[in-house]
Amino acid sequence: MKVCNVTKLSGVEFLRRFCLHILPCQFVKIRYYGILSTKQKDKVKSMLAKKPETTVKETRQQRIVRLTGFDSRLCPVCKTGFMHTIELLPKISAPTNVLYANKNIIVLIMGILNHPLCRDGEINL
């Protein structure tokens, strides 16, 4: 039987001890259950020691066909011929010379339109 000691604490000491259990921001408490618990450590080690026999060697394309039942290399028109890669196109990034409207730009434009040099929506310099 576990013996519990009763202790009298002041409010400040209680809060200090309680706050020791609070993690700092951006920290996550991780608890391990199931096969990750320490009770299962021996079973997991024995399972990891046994290497499963993998004799089937298949390519990525063969695995996709086996799992999905769809062959992306088949011609979509005749369904008998195979398509081949002729050229790979480069990845396209967003254009850098385009000004996208966001909240800061709209506030800036509204500030310019309310400027004393700007009359009737036109900027007079």
C-alpha atoms as a PDB file:
ATOM      1  CA  MET A   1       0.000   0.000   0.000  1.00  0.00           C
ATOM      2  CA  LYS A   2       1.305   3.427  -0.956  1.00  0.00           C
ATOM      3  CA  VAL A   3       1.813   5.853   1.910  1.00  0.00           C
ATOM      4  CA  CYS A   4       0.757   9.438   1.245  1.00  0.00           C
ATOM      5  CA  ASN A   5       2.187  12.262   3.316  1.00  0.00           C
ATOM      6  CA  VAL A   6      -0.074  15.206   3.969  1.00  0.00           C
ATOM      7  CA  THR A   7       1.690  18.546   3.756  1.00  0.00           C
ATOM      8  CA  LYS A   8       0.410  22.002   4.552  1.00  0.00           C
ATOM      9  CA  LEU A   9       1.370  24.539   1.916  1.00  0.00           C
ATOM     10  CA  SER A  10       0.906  28.269   1.662  1.00  0.00           C
ATOM     11  CA  GLY A  11      -0.947  29.567  -1.364  1.00  0.00           C
ATOM     12  CA  VAL A  12       2.260  30.883  -2.942  1.00  0.00           C
ATOM     13  CA  GLU A  13       4.093  27.570  -2.472  1.00  0.00           C
ATOM     14  CA  PHE A  14       1.134  25.641  -3.898  1.00  0.00           C
ATOM     15  CA  LEU A  15       1.072  27.865  -7.000  1.00  0.00           C
ATOM     16  CA  ARG A  16       4.858  27.573  -7.388  1.00  0.00           C
ATOM     17  CA  ARG A  17       4.670  23.772  -7.340  1.00  0.00           C
ATOM     18  CA  PHE A  18       1.652  23.799  -9.650  1.00  0.00           C
ATOM     19  CA  CYS A  19       3.418  26.071 -12.150  1.00  0.00           C
ATOM     20  CA  LEU A  20       6.319  23.614 -12.375  1.00  0.00           C
ATOM     21  CA  HIS A  21       3.952  21.373 -14.353  1.00  0.00           C
ATOM     22  CA  ILE A  22       3.098  24.072 -16.915  1.00  0.00           C
ATOM     23  CA  LEU A  23       5.146  23.778 -20.088  1.00  0.00           C
ATOM     24  CA  PRO A  24       6.605  26.855 -21.807  1.00  0.00           C
ATOM     25  CA  CYS A  25       5.034  28.088 -25.043  1.00  0.00           C
ATOM     26  CA  GLN A  26       5.680  25.939 -28.123  1.00  0.00           C
ATOM     27  CA  PHE A  27       6.459  22.860 -25.998  1.00  0.00           C
ATOM     28  CA  VAL A  28       4.223  19.810 -26.221  1.00  0.00           C
ATOM     29  CA  LYS A  29       4.002  17.100 -23.579  1.00  0.00           C
ATOM     30  CA  ILE A  30       4.330  13.675 -25.167  1.00  0.00           C
ATOM     31  CA  ARG A  31       3.070  10.600 -23.400  1.00  0.00           C
ATOM     32  CA  TYR A  32       3.705   7.157 -24.780  1.00  0.00           C
ATOM     33  CA  TYR A  33       0.955   4.561 -24.827  1.00  0.00           C
ATOM     34  CA  GLY A  34       0.548   1.228 -26.548  1.00  0.00           C
ATOM     35  CA  ILE A  35       3.612  -0.143 -28.269  1.00  0.00           C
ATOM     36  CA  LEU A  36       5.592   3.003 -27.429  1.00  0.00           C
ATOM     37  CA  SER A  37       5.199   2.519 -23.672  1.00  0.00           C
ATOM     38  CA  THR A  38       8.101   1.241 -21.582  1.00  0.00           C
ATOM     39  CA  LYS A  39       6.168  -1.912 -20.667  1.00  0.00           C
ATOM     40  CA  GLN A  40       6.212  -3.022 -24.295  1.00  0.00           C
ATOM     41  CA  LYS A  41       9.899  -2.248 -24.874  1.00  0.00           C
ATOM     42  CA  ASP A  42      11.062  -5.911 -24.855  1.00  0.00           C
ATOM     43  CA  LYS A  43       8.293  -7.024 -27.212  1.00  0.00           C
ATOM     44  CA  VAL A  44       9.008  -4.208 -29.631  1.00  0.00           C
ATOM     45  CA  LYS A  45      12.753  -4.898 -29.630  1.00  0.00           C
ATOM     46  CA  SER A  46      12.147  -8.560 -30.425  1.00  0.00           C
ATOM     47  CA  MET A  47       9.765  -7.584 -33.226  1.00  0.00           C
ATOM     48  CA  LEU A  48      12.297  -5.142 -34.673  1.00  0.00           C
ATOM     49  CA  ALA A  49      15.063  -7.754 -34.495  1.00  0.00           C
ATOM     50  CA  LYS A  50      13.116  -9.998 -36.867  1.00  0.00           C
ATOM     51  CA  LYS A  51      13.480  -8.658 -40.381  1.00  0.00           C
ATOM     52  CA  PRO A  52      10.491  -9.397 -42.602  1.00  0.00           C
ATOM     53  CA  GLU A  53      11.331 -11.180 -45.816  1.00  0.00           C
ATOM     54  CA  THR A  54      10.664  -8.974 -48.812  1.00  0.00           C
ATOM     55  CA  THR A  55      11.107 -10.866 -52.035  1.00  0.00           C
ATOM     56  CA  VAL A  56       8.730  -8.871 -54.235  1.00  0.00           C
ATOM     57  CA  LYS A  57      10.582  -6.132 -56.077  1.00  0.00           C
ATOM     58  CA  GLU A  58       8.287  -3.844 -57.981  1.00  0.00           C
ATOM     59  CA  THR A  59       8.762  -0.432 -59.487  1.00  0.00           C
ATOM     60  CA  ARG A  60       6.852   2.628 -58.352  1.00  0.00           C
ATOM     61  CA  GLN A  61       4.638   2.476 -61.447  1.00  0.00           C
ATOM     62  CA  GLN A  62       3.822  -1.215 -60.863  1.00  0.00           C
ATOM     63  CA  ARG A  63       2.904  -0.458 -57.234  1.00  0.00           C
ATOM     64  CA  ILE A  64       0.562   2.358 -58.321  1.00  0.00           C
ATOM     65  CA  VAL A  65      -1.143   0.044 -60.825  1.00  0.00           C
ATOM     66  CA  ARG A  66      -1.450  -2.717 -58.186  1.00  0.00           C
ATOM     67  CA  LEU A  67      -2.923  -0.395 -55.527  1.00  0.00           C
ATOM     68  CA  THR A  68      -5.187   1.776 -57.681  1.00  0.00           C
ATOM     69  CA  GLY A  69      -5.982  -0.480 -60.620  1.00  0.00           C
ATOM     70  CA  PHE A  70      -5.244   2.438 -62.970  1.00  0.00           C
ATOM     71  CA  ASP A  71      -2.265   2.626 -65.318  1.00  0.00           C
ATOM     72  CA  SER A  72      -1.421   6.256 -66.025  1.00  0.00           C
ATOM     73  CA  ARG A  73       0.969   5.275 -68.814  1.00  0.00           C
ATOM     74  CA  LEU A  74      -1.809   3.911 -71.045  1.00  0.00           C
ATOM     75  CA  CYS A  75      -2.958   6.087 -73.907  1.00  0.00           C
ATOM     76  CA  PRO A  76      -6.272   7.737 -72.933  1.00  0.00           C
ATOM     77  CA  VAL A  77      -7.587   7.352 -76.515  1.00  0.00           C
ATOM     78  CA  CYS A  78      -6.749   3.805 -77.638  1.00  0.00           C
ATOM     79  CA  LYS A  79      -6.083   2.275 -74.180  1.00  0.00           C
ATOM     80  CA  THR A  80      -3.467  -0.068 -75.682  1.00  0.00           C
ATOM     81  CA  GLY A  81      -0.332   1.984 -76.352  1.00  0.00           C
ATOM     82  CA  PHE A  82       1.976   3.375 -73.696  1.00  0.00           C
ATOM     83  CA  MET A  83       2.799   7.060 -73.353  1.00  0.00           C
ATOM     84  CA  HIS A  84       6.458   8.044 -72.955  1.00  0.00           C
ATOM     85  CA  THR A  85       7.979  11.125 -71.323  1.00  0.00           C
ATOM     86  CA  ILE A  86       9.309  13.466 -74.004  1.00  0.00           C
ATOM     87  CA  GLU A  87      10.088  16.565 -71.956  1.00  0.00           C
ATOM     88  CA  LEU A  88       9.752  17.665 -68.329  1.00  0.00           C
ATOM     89  CA  LEU A  89       8.477  21.207 -67.905  1.00  0.00           C
ATOM     90  CA  PRO A  90      10.085  23.410 -65.235  1.00  0.00           C
ATOM     91  CA  LYS A  91       8.103  24.267 -62.137  1.00  0.00           C
ATOM     92  CA  ILE A  92       6.287  27.581 -62.414  1.00  0.00           C
ATOM     93  CA  SER A  93       6.515  30.033 -59.544  1.00  0.00           C
ATOM     94  CA  ALA A  94       4.313  33.014 -58.883  1.00  0.00           C
ATOM     95  CA  PRO A  95       5.199  36.099 -60.922  1.00  0.00           C
ATOM     96  CA  THR A  96       7.288  38.667 -59.073  1.00  0.00           C
ATOM     97  CA  ASN A  97       6.346  41.695 -61.189  1.00  0.00           C
ATOM     98  CA  VAL A  98       2.635  41.657 -60.275  1.00  0.00           C
ATOM     99  CA  LEU A  99       1.347  43.784 -57.426  1.00  0.00           C
ATOM    100  CA  TYR A 100      -1.226  41.829 -55.428  1.00  0.00           C
ATOM    101  CA  ALA A 101      -3.782  43.823 -53.461  1.00  0.00           C
ATOM    102  CA  ASN A 102      -3.644  43.189 -49.755  1.00  0.00           C
ATOM    103  CA  LYS A 103      -4.775  45.118 -46.692  1.00  0.00           C
ATOM    104  CA  ASN A 104      -1.562  47.192 -46.413  1.00  0.00           C
ATOM    105  CA  ILE A 105      -1.640  48.312 -50.050  1.00  0.00           C
ATOM    106  CA  ILE A 106      -5.315  49.262 -49.844  1.00  0.00           C
ATOM    107  CA  VAL A 107      -4.641  51.366 -46.730  1.00  0.00           C
ATOM    108  CA  LEU A 108      -1.680  52.992 -48.514  1.00  0.00           C
ATOM    109  CA  ILE A 109      -3.802  53.804 -51.569  1.00  0.00           C
ATOM    110  CA  MET A 110      -6.602  55.201 -49.417  1.00  0.00           C
ATOM    111  CA  GLY A 111      -4.028  57.333 -47.596  1.00  0.00           C
ATOM    112  CA  ILE A 112      -2.728  58.700 -50.896  1.00  0.00           C
ATOM    113  CA  LEU A 113      -6.259  59.505 -52.103  1.00  0.00           C
ATOM    114  CA  ASN A 114      -6.962  61.439 -48.892  1.00  0.00           C
ATOM    115  CA  HIS A 115      -3.731  63.431 -49.245  1.00  0.00           C
ATOM    116  CA  PRO A 116      -4.115  67.225 -49.854  1.00  0.00           C
ATOM    117  CA  LEU A 117      -2.311  66.939 -53.208  1.00  0.00           C
ATOM    118  CA  CYS A 118      -4.924  64.481 -54.416  1.00  0.00           C
ATOM    119  CA  ARG A 119      -8.192  66.031 -55.569  1.00  0.00           C
ATOM    120  CA  ASP A 120     -11.154  64.159 -57.028  1.00  0.00           C
ATOM    121  CA  GLY A 121      -9.306  60.821 -57.076  1.00  0.00           C
ATOM    122  CA  GLU A 122      -6.413  62.216 -59.168  1.00  0.00           C
ATOM    123  CA  ILE A 123      -2.914  62.811 -57.822  1.00  0.00           C
ATOM    124  CA  ASN A 124      -1.707  66.342 -58.578  1.00  0.00           C
ATOM    125  CA  LEU A 125       2.036  66.668 -58.110  1.00  0.00           C
END
